């Protein structure tokens, strides 16, 4: 990990914590977390489905002469 990546990830984490701390009594955080987790699970499930049920590659063309 480079220095820039470390700074970016730490500011992302601290920004999320600060956002939660400021808005914990105004926003419905459990509902937001459930939606984010559900969206992430849907994306991961879709990618896993695509990788598992990927159609075979075409190796030749059947061209009538």
Protein backbone atom coordinates (compact mmCIF):
# COMPACT_ATOMS: atom_id res chain seq x y z
CA UNK A 1 0.00 0.00 0.00
CA UNK A 2 1.31 3.38 -0.91
CA UNK A 3 1.11 6.49 1.21
CA UNK A 4 -1.61 7.99 -0.97
CA UNK A 5 -3.77 4.87 -0.69
CA UNK A 6 -3.35 4.85 3.08
CA UNK A 7 -4.36 8.50 3.35
CA UNK A 8 -7.37 7.93 1.10
CA UNK A 9 -8.61 4.87 3.00
CA UNK A 10 -8.09 6.45 6.41
CA UNK A 11 -9.93 9.62 5.38
CA UNK A 12 -12.76 7.49 3.95
CA UNK A 13 -13.08 5.60 7.24
CA UNK A 14 -12.84 8.71 9.42
CA UNK A 15 -15.32 10.55 7.18
CA UNK A 16 -17.83 7.71 7.51
CA UNK A 17 -17.42 7.65 11.30
CA UNK A 18 -17.86 11.44 11.47
CA UNK A 19 -20.95 11.27 9.23
CA UNK A 20 -22.46 8.61 11.48
CA UNK A 21 -21.63 10.55 14.63
CA UNK A 22 -23.24 13.75 13.32
CA UNK A 23 -26.37 12.12 11.84
CA UNK A 24 -27.00 9.16 14.16
CA UNK A 25 -30.20 10.68 15.56
CA UNK A 26 -31.53 11.96 12.21
CA UNK A 27 -31.00 9.09 9.77
CA UNK A 28 -32.16 5.48 9.92
CA UNK A 29 -28.72 3.88 9.90
CA UNK A 30 -29.79 0.22 10.25
CA UNK A 31 -31.99 0.60 7.18
CA UNK A 32 -29.15 2.20 5.19
CA UNK A 33 -26.75 -0.57 6.21
CA UNK A 34 -29.26 -3.28 5.22
CA UNK A 35 -29.73 -1.70 1.79
CA UNK A 36 -25.98 -1.42 1.23
CA UNK A 37 -25.40 -5.01 2.35
CA UNK A 38 -28.25 -6.24 0.14
CA UNK A 39 -26.89 -4.37 -2.87
CA UNK A 40 -23.40 -5.71 -2.29
CA UNK A 41 -24.77 -9.26 -1.91
CA UNK A 42 -26.73 -8.89 -5.15
CA UNK A 43 -23.64 -7.71 -7.04
CA UNK A 44 -21.48 -10.53 -5.64
CA UNK A 45 -24.21 -13.08 -6.35
CA UNK A 46 -24.60 -11.84 -9.92
CA UNK A 47 -20.86 -12.03 -10.56
CA UNK A 48 -20.67 -15.52 -9.05
CA UNK A 49 -23.63 -16.64 -11.18
CA UNK A 50 -22.00 -15.22 -14.30
CA UNK A 51 -18.67 -16.91 -13.58
CA UNK A 52 -20.28 -20.28 -12.80
CA UNK A 53 -22.80 -20.38 -15.67
CA UNK A 54 -20.67 -18.71 -18.34
CA UNK A 55 -21.46 -20.00 -21.83
CA UNK A 56 -18.71 -21.96 -23.61
CA UNK A 57 -16.49 -20.08 -26.01
CA UNK A 58 -16.98 -20.62 -29.70
CA UNK A 59 -13.94 -22.30 -31.21
CA UNK A 60 -14.96 -22.58 -34.87
CA UNK A 61 -17.52 -21.34 -37.34
CA UNK A 62 -19.80 -23.72 -39.21
CA UNK A 63 -20.07 -21.92 -42.55
CA UNK A 64 -21.99 -23.69 -45.34
CA UNK A 65 -20.18 -23.74 -48.65
